[in-house]
Amino acid sequence: MQDIVNNADIFAEMHGGLARVVLNRPKALNALTLAMIHQLDRWLAAWASDPAIAAVVLAGAGDRAFCAGGDIRSLYDAKLSGDRVTEIFFFDEYRFNRRIHRYPKPYISLIDGIVMGGGVGVSINGRTRVVTERALLAMPETGIGFFPDVGGSYFLSRCPGAIGMYLALTGARIKAADLIYAGLATHYAPHARLDELAAALERDPSERPLAALTDNPGAAPLAAHRAMIDRCFAADSVEAIVDALARAGGEWAAATRATLLHKAPLSLKVTHRQIRTGARLDFEDCMAMEYRLSQHFMAASDFFEGVRAVLVDKDNQPQWRPDRLEAVSEAMVEACFAPLGARDLTFVE
């Protein structure tokens, strides 16, 4: 074993042909900073052409989270100070997500604990996603006045039926069995076997050890609601989804409808269009679309109001603009998808 970097936020170790990366901010639930994104991106670029590296494994430090997302509080602070990081962060992060999606070697994420937002981008975009019984995934962006980014328009739109739309709009939290059921994870392994799995990967830096050391997570709770999800969340508008849930009746439908009505109205309508559009696009076009959305949201107020309400003042009383679904016009939604001209995201190295 050889440490190549060991600092406060991220480190990597070489185990023969295996590069093992650990996100190392456990007190911050391993949230990604821009510096961490840049470091891992440089490593991945170098390892892709390094014949000594056969596979990459990514894990999170501590016992609570794999990665709870991007460091969105830093974006809030940057906006207040006029810093350009709101432009640079998403540009670099989305290019980094694309590198993961197209990575030419096995890229194996060991998802043990909370994984949200940017943490989903750094794992679900990879080829192999191992979850434990402690995994808890959500894309909660509509609750902070944003949209499910980091490739959400690609991987959520490809979930079975309307599951991806349900997850995108509601920010619902799902665990291991549902992650397998939704196609967001490829393997399940009990937490107690992770050390054994890591040792096997060190001996054989490929995806082969996974077959012998992974298991069945059991029945997926989402399956019990699948028919209603497919019926309601396939509707042609957010308002129609809300109406369908009201007509469906029952405790689950009522709770899901109430959840939607607490989210940012503009975010909901943008997300609905984003997921539907993403189903027709390749990964690069999805990321270009998401970058346009990110910059339009950075120039508006809802994201910063959502971060204020959830993370800064913690009053959980965001004042959305507009504050009602019916007040969000088609023109408002269309504007969020407008091209940025010379500022559009590209993938030219």
Protein backbone atom coordinates (compact mmCIF):
# COMPACT_ATOMS: atom_id res chain seq x y z
CA MET A 1 0.00 0.00 0.00
CA GLN A 2 1.23 3.48 -0.84
CA ASP A 3 -0.46 6.75 0.10
CA ILE A 4 -0.16 9.28 -2.71
CA VAL A 5 -2.14 12.05 -1.02
CA ASN A 6 -3.30 12.32 2.54
CA ASN A 7 -4.89 15.57 3.63
CA ALA A 8 -7.95 16.86 5.42
CA ASP A 9 -10.43 16.34 2.60
CA ILE A 10 -9.46 13.46 0.30
CA PHE A 11 -6.80 10.81 0.01
CA ALA A 12 -5.85 7.99 -2.30
CA GLU A 13 -3.97 4.74 -1.78
CA MET A 14 -2.47 2.30 -4.22
CA HIS A 15 -3.07 -1.40 -3.52
CA GLY A 16 -1.33 -3.12 -6.39
CA GLY A 17 -3.48 -2.30 -9.41
CA LEU A 18 -6.29 -0.83 -7.32
CA ALA A 19 -6.57 2.90 -6.68
CA ARG A 20 -8.66 3.43 -3.56
CA VAL A 21 -10.00 6.96 -2.99
CA VAL A 22 -11.59 8.10 0.27
CA LEU A 23 -13.68 11.25 0.65
CA ASN A 24 -12.41 12.41 4.01
CA ARG A 25 -14.70 15.05 5.51
CA PRO A 26 -16.76 12.92 7.90
CA LYS A 27 -17.85 15.86 10.07
CA ALA A 28 -19.31 17.47 6.92
CA LEU A 29 -20.77 14.12 5.78
CA ASN A 30 -18.02 14.04 3.14
CA ALA A 31 -19.59 16.90 1.19
CA LEU A 32 -17.62 17.74 -1.96
CA THR A 33 -15.65 20.94 -2.20
CA LEU A 34 -14.40 22.30 -5.51
CA ALA A 35 -10.85 21.42 -4.47
CA MET A 36 -11.89 17.79 -3.90
CA ILE A 37 -13.54 17.68 -7.32
CA HIS A 38 -10.41 19.05 -8.97
CA GLN A 39 -8.15 16.59 -7.15
CA LEU A 40 -10.19 13.51 -7.99
CA ASP A 41 -10.63 14.68 -11.58
CA ARG A 42 -6.85 14.97 -11.98
CA TRP A 43 -6.32 11.50 -10.52
CA LEU A 44 -8.92 9.92 -12.76
CA ALA A 45 -7.45 11.58 -15.83
CA ALA A 46 -4.00 10.25 -14.97
CA TRP A 47 -5.14 6.76 -13.97
CA ALA A 48 -7.18 6.29 -17.14
CA SER A 49 -3.99 5.92 -19.18
CA ASP A 50 -1.80 4.40 -16.45
CA PRO A 51 -1.24 0.68 -17.15
CA ALA A 52 -0.44 0.11 -13.48
CA ILE A 53 -4.00 1.03 -12.47
CA ALA A 54 -6.66 -1.57 -13.28
CA ALA A 55 -9.61 -0.22 -11.26
CA VAL A 56 -10.73 2.64 -9.02
CA VAL A 57 -12.73 2.27 -5.80
CA LEU A 58 -14.41 5.24 -4.11
CA ALA A 59 -15.60 5.28 -0.49
CA GLY A 60 -16.51 7.79 2.22
CA ALA A 61 -14.84 8.22 5.61
CA GLY A 62 -16.71 7.83 8.88
CA ASP A 63 -19.83 5.87 9.70
CA ARG A 64 -22.59 8.25 8.59
CA ALA A 65 -22.20 9.15 4.94
CA PHE A 66 -20.71 8.19 1.64
CA CYS A 67 -21.13 11.77 0.42
CA ALA A 68 -24.01 14.06 1.35
CA GLY A 69 -23.63 16.30 -1.69
CA GLY A 70 -21.79 19.36 -2.87
CA ASP A 71 -20.76 22.09 -0.48
CA ILE A 72 -23.79 24.26 -1.27
CA ARG A 73 -23.26 26.50 1.76
CA SER A 74 -20.08 27.72 0.05
CA LEU A 75 -22.14 28.64 -3.01
CA TYR A 76 -24.50 30.65 -0.81
CA ASP A 77 -21.61 32.50 0.78
CA ALA A 78 -19.98 33.10 -2.61
CA LYS A 79 -23.16 34.64 -3.99
CA LEU A 80 -23.28 37.09 -1.09
CA SER A 81 -19.69 38.12 -1.73
CA GLY A 82 -20.01 38.31 -5.52
CA ASP A 83 -17.55 35.46 -6.12
CA ARG A 84 -17.67 33.70 -9.54
CA VAL A 85 -17.52 30.26 -7.94
CA THR A 86 -21.21 29.72 -8.74
CA GLU A 87 -20.19 29.63 -12.40
CA ILE A 88 -16.98 27.66 -12.01
CA PHE A 89 -18.26 25.06 -9.54
CA PHE A 90 -20.96 23.62 -11.78
CA PHE A 91 -18.87 23.85 -14.96
CA ASP A 92 -16.07 21.83 -13.40
CA GLU A 93 -18.35 19.46 -11.49
CA TYR A 94 -20.39 18.53 -14.55
CA ARG A 95 -17.27 17.90 -16.65
CA PHE A 96 -16.03 15.73 -13.78
CA ASN A 97 -19.35 13.80 -13.76
CA ARG A 98 -18.90 13.16 -17.44
CA ARG A 99 -15.40 11.77 -16.87
CA ILE A 100 -16.88 9.31 -14.35
CA HIS A 101 -19.67 8.31 -16.73
CA ARG A 102 -17.23 7.64 -19.56
CA TYR A 103 -14.45 6.15 -17.44
CA PRO A 104 -12.65 3.39 -19.37
CA LYS A 105 -11.73 1.27 -16.34
CA PRO A 106 -13.87 -0.26 -13.57
CA TYR A 107 -15.03 2.55 -11.29
CA ILE A 108 -16.58 1.05 -8.17
CA SER A 109 -18.43 3.12 -5.56
CA LEU A 110 -18.96 1.62 -2.11
CA ILE A 111 -22.06 3.49 -0.92
CA ASP A 112 -22.35 2.98 2.81
CA GLY A 113 -24.47 5.71 4.41
CA ILE A 114 -26.03 8.93 3.15
CA VAL A 115 -25.60 9.80 -0.53
CA MET A 116 -27.26 12.91 -1.90
CA GLY A 117 -26.82 15.53 -4.60
CA GLY A 118 -23.18 15.76 -5.63
CA GLY A 119 -22.50 12.47 -3.87
CA VAL A 120 -24.96 10.83 -6.24
CA GLY A 121 -23.11 12.39 -9.15
CA VAL A 122 -19.76 11.01 -8.04
CA SER A 123 -21.16 7.48 -7.63
CA ILE A 124 -24.29 6.75 -9.66
CA ASN A 125 -22.66 8.03 -12.86
CA GLY A 126 -20.04 5.30 -12.53
CA ARG A 127 -20.29 1.79 -13.90
CA THR A 128 -20.49 -0.15 -10.62
CA ARG A 129 -22.46 1.00 -7.55
CA VAL A 130 -22.39 -1.18 -4.45
CA VAL A 131 -24.83 -0.28 -1.66
CA THR A 132 -25.11 -1.55 1.91
CA GLU A 133 -28.10 -1.68 4.24
CA ARG A 134 -26.96 1.71 5.54
CA ALA A 135 -27.22 3.41 2.14
CA LEU A 136 -29.74 6.25 1.99
CA LEU A 137 -30.08 8.12 -1.30
CA ALA A 138 -32.04 11.24 -2.16
CA MET A 139 -32.01 14.00 -4.73
CA PRO A 140 -33.62 16.70 -2.54
CA GLU A 141 -32.94 19.70 -4.77
CA THR A 142 -36.53 20.81 -5.38
CA GLY A 143 -36.71 21.44 -1.63
CA ILE A 144 -33.94 24.03 -1.84
CA GLY A 145 -35.11 25.79 -4.99
CA PHE A 146 -32.89 23.88 -7.42
CA PHE A 147 -33.21 20.80 -9.67
CA PRO A 148 -31.72 17.26 -9.57
CA ASP A 149 -28.43 17.87 -11.32
CA VAL A 150 -25.07 16.02 -11.59
CA GLY A 151 -26.57 13.83 -14.33
CA GLY A 152 -30.00 13.42 -12.76
CA SER A 153 -31.65 14.20 -16.08
CA TYR A 154 -29.87 11.14 -17.48
CA PHE A 155 -29.95 8.49 -14.75
CA LEU A 156 -33.33 9.39 -13.23
CA SER A 157 -35.04 9.49 -16.61
CA ARG A 158 -33.82 5.92 -17.19
CA CYS A 159 -35.29 4.42 -14.02
CA PRO A 160 -38.17 1.98 -14.63
CA GLY A 161 -41.59 3.50 -15.24
CA ALA A 162 -42.07 6.87 -13.54
CA ILE A 163 -39.81 6.13 -10.57
CA GLY A 164 -37.23 8.67 -11.70
CA MET A 165 -39.81 11.43 -11.99
CA TYR A 166 -41.12 10.55 -8.54
CA LEU A 167 -37.65 10.70 -7.00
CA ALA A 168 -36.77 13.90 -8.84
CA LEU A 169 -39.87 15.86 -7.85
CA THR A 170 -40.37 14.65 -4.29
CA GLY A 171 -36.76 14.19 -3.15
CA ALA A 172 -37.88 10.90 -1.57
CA ARG A 173 -35.25 9.01 0.41
CA ILE A 174 -34.69 5.41 -0.62
CA LYS A 175 -32.55 2.58 0.72
CA ALA A 176 -30.67 -0.38 -0.66
CA ALA A 177 -33.51 -2.58 -1.96
CA ASP A 178 -35.14 0.38 -3.71
CA LEU A 179 -31.79 1.46 -5.17
CA ILE A 180 -31.41 -1.95 -6.78
CA TYR A 181 -35.06 -1.94 -7.87
CA ALA A 182 -34.71 1.50 -9.48
CA GLY A 183 -31.52 0.54 -11.29
CA LEU A 184 -29.49 3.16 -9.42
CA ALA A 185 -27.29 0.53 -7.74
CA THR A 186 -25.77 -2.54 -9.33
CA HIS A 187 -24.88 -4.65 -6.26
CA TYR A 188 -25.81 -5.05 -2.61
CA ALA A 189 -23.33 -6.04 0.10
CA PRO A 190 -23.91 -6.01 3.87
CA HIS A 191 -21.86 -3.43 5.72
CA ALA A 192 -20.22 -6.24 7.69
CA ARG A 193 -18.67 -7.60 4.49
CA LEU A 194 -17.18 -4.36 3.16
CA ASP A 195 -13.72 -5.06 4.56
CA GLU A 196 -13.81 -8.51 2.99
CA LEU A 197 -14.92 -6.99 -0.30
CA ALA A 198 -12.18 -4.34 -0.16
CA ALA A 199 -9.55 -7.02 0.47
CA ALA A 200 -10.85 -9.09 -2.44
CA LEU A 201 -10.66 -6.06 -4.74
CA GLU A 202 -7.08 -5.46 -3.66
CA ARG A 203 -6.20 -9.02 -4.67
CA ASP A 204 -8.18 -8.78 -7.90
CA PRO A 205 -8.65 -5.16 -9.02
CA SER A 206 -11.65 -5.80 -11.25
CA GLU A 207 -15.38 -6.27 -10.88
CA ARG A 208 -15.05 -10.07 -10.58
CA PRO A 209 -14.99 -10.28 -6.76
CA LEU A 210 -18.40 -8.60 -6.59
CA ALA A 211 -20.25 -11.65 -7.86
CA ALA A 212 -19.13 -13.80 -4.92
CA LEU A 213 -19.41 -11.17 -2.19
CA THR A 214 -22.68 -9.41 -2.94
CA ASP A 215 -26.17 -10.45 -1.96
CA ASN A 216 -29.90 -9.80 -2.33
CA PRO A 217 -31.21 -6.79 -0.34
CA GLY A 218 -34.73 -8.19 -0.11
CA ALA A 219 -38.06 -6.74 -1.20
CA ALA A 220 -38.17 -3.14 -2.45
CA PRO A 221 -40.69 -0.92 -0.59
CA LEU A 222 -41.17 1.12 -3.77
CA ALA A 223 -42.69 -1.91 -5.46
CA ALA A 224 -45.80 -1.60 -3.26
CA HIS A 225 -46.42 1.89 -4.68
CA ARG A 226 -45.19 1.26 -8.20
CA ALA A 227 -48.59 1.20 -9.89
CA MET A 228 -49.59 4.52 -8.32
CA ILE A 229 -46.21 6.09 -9.06
CA ASP A 230 -46.44 5.07 -12.70
CA ARG A 231 -50.01 6.28 -12.99
CA CYS A 232 -49.62 9.63 -11.23
CA PHE A 233 -46.07 10.66 -12.09
CA ALA A 234 -46.43 9.94 -15.80
CA ALA A 235 -48.82 12.90 -16.06
CA ASP A 236 -48.04 15.69 -18.50
CA SER A 237 -47.63 18.44 -15.90
CA VAL A 238 -46.87 18.93 -12.23
CA GLU A 239 -50.40 20.19 -11.67
CA ALA A 240 -51.74 17.00 -13.24
CA ILE A 241 -49.52 14.92 -10.94
CA VAL A 242 -50.84 16.80 -7.90
CA ASP A 243 -54.42 16.29 -9.09
CA ALA A 244 -53.84 12.59 -9.77
CA LEU A 245 -52.49 12.10 -6.24
CA ALA A 246 -55.54 13.89 -4.81
CA ARG A 247 -57.88 11.60 -6.75
CA ALA A 248 -55.94 8.47 -5.82
CA GLY A 249 -56.74 8.79 -2.13
CA GLY A 250 -55.00 6.97 0.66
CA GLU A 251 -52.30 7.93 3.13
CA TRP A 252 -49.32 7.50 0.78
CA ALA A 253 -50.82 9.60 -2.00
CA ALA A 254 -51.88 12.33 0.44
CA ALA A 255 -48.43 12.49 2.02
CA THR A 256 -46.73 12.55 -1.38
CA ARG A 257 -49.00 15.36 -2.58
CA ALA A 258 -48.29 17.38 0.57
CA THR A 259 -44.57 16.89 0.00
CA LEU A 260 -44.81 18.24 -3.55
CA LEU A 261 -46.74 21.31 -2.45
CA HIS A 262 -43.94 22.26 -0.06
CA LYS A 263 -41.29 22.29 -2.82
CA ALA A 264 -40.27 25.30 -4.89
CA PRO A 265 -42.91 25.67 -7.64
CA LEU A 266 -40.47 26.80 -10.34
CA SER A 267 -38.09 23.97 -9.45
CA LEU A 268 -40.90 21.43 -9.77
CA LYS A 269 -41.91 22.59 -13.22
CA VAL A 270 -38.34 22.86 -14.46
CA THR A 271 -37.54 19.40 -13.07
CA HIS A 272 -40.59 17.85 -14.73
CA ARG A 273 -39.43 19.14 -18.11
CA GLN A 274 -35.79 18.29 -17.37
CA ILE A 275 -36.51 14.60 -16.67
CA ARG A 276 -38.76 14.22 -19.69
CA THR A 277 -36.19 15.92 -21.93
CA GLY A 278 -33.30 13.94 -20.48
CA ALA A 279 -34.86 10.65 -21.55
CA ARG A 280 -34.21 11.66 -25.16
CA LEU A 281 -30.65 12.96 -24.72
CA ASP A 282 -27.23 11.39 -24.39
CA PHE A 283 -25.16 12.07 -21.28
CA GLU A 284 -23.23 15.02 -22.71
CA ASP A 285 -26.39 16.78 -23.85
CA CYS A 286 -27.99 16.17 -20.45
CA MET A 287 -25.03 17.82 -18.74
CA ALA A 288 -25.08 20.77 -21.13
CA MET A 289 -28.78 21.23 -20.37
CA GLU A 290 -28.14 21.01 -16.64
CA TYR A 291 -25.39 23.62 -16.81
CA ARG A 292 -27.78 26.03 -18.49
CA LEU A 293 -30.30 25.35 -15.74
CA SER A 294 -27.68 25.81 -13.02
CA GLN A 295 -26.67 29.23 -14.28
CA HIS A 296 -30.24 30.46 -14.62
CA PHE A 297 -30.96 29.27 -11.08
CA MET A 298 -27.79 30.94 -9.78
CA ALA A 299 -29.01 34.23 -11.24
CA ALA A 300 -32.43 33.92 -9.54
CA SER A 301 -33.46 33.85 -5.88
CA ASP A 302 -35.06 30.48 -5.07
CA PHE A 303 -31.84 28.47 -4.58
CA PHE A 304 -30.35 30.98 -2.18
CA GLU A 305 -33.65 31.30 -0.33
CA GLY A 306 -33.84 27.52 -0.05
CA VAL A 307 -30.30 27.26 1.32
CA ARG A 308 -31.07 30.08 3.75
CA ALA A 309 -34.19 28.33 5.04
CA VAL A 310 -32.67 24.85 5.29
CA LEU A 311 -29.01 25.41 6.13
CA VAL A 312 -28.44 28.98 7.31
CA ASP A 313 -31.39 30.20 9.38
CA LYS A 314 -32.88 26.68 9.53
CA ASP A 315 -36.44 27.99 9.85
CA ASN A 316 -37.63 25.65 7.05
CA GLN A 317 -39.93 28.42 5.83
CA PRO A 318 -38.64 29.33 2.37
CA GLN A 319 -40.40 32.14 0.53
CA TRP A 320 -40.47 30.88 -3.05
CA ARG A 321 -40.83 33.18 -6.05
CA PRO A 322 -43.34 32.39 -7.48
CA ASP A 323 -44.95 30.74 -4.48
CA ARG A 324 -47.67 28.77 -6.30
CA LEU A 325 -47.57 26.29 -9.17
CA GLU A 326 -50.24 28.18 -11.10
CA ALA A 327 -48.09 31.31 -10.96
CA VAL A 328 -45.21 29.64 -12.81
CA SER A 329 -45.68 30.41 -16.49
CA GLU A 330 -44.39 28.38 -19.41
CA ALA A 331 -42.21 31.36 -20.32
CA MET A 332 -40.51 31.21 -16.91
CA VAL A 333 -39.73 27.54 -17.41
CA GLU A 334 -38.56 28.08 -20.98
CA ALA A 335 -36.18 30.83 -19.87
CA CYS A 336 -34.35 28.42 -17.57
CA PHE A 337 -33.44 26.23 -20.56
CA ALA A 338 -32.19 29.10 -22.73
CA PRO A 339 -28.69 28.67 -24.23
CA LEU A 340 -25.83 30.57 -22.64
CA GLY A 341 -23.95 31.24 -25.86
CA ALA A 342 -20.18 31.28 -25.32
CA ARG A 343 -20.74 30.25 -21.68
CA ASP A 344 -22.41 26.94 -22.54
CA LEU A 345 -20.80 23.80 -21.12
CA THR A 346 -18.43 21.99 -23.46
CA PHE A 347 -16.25 18.90 -23.08
CA VAL A 348 -13.22 20.01 -25.04
CA GLU A 349 -10.10 19.19 -23.05
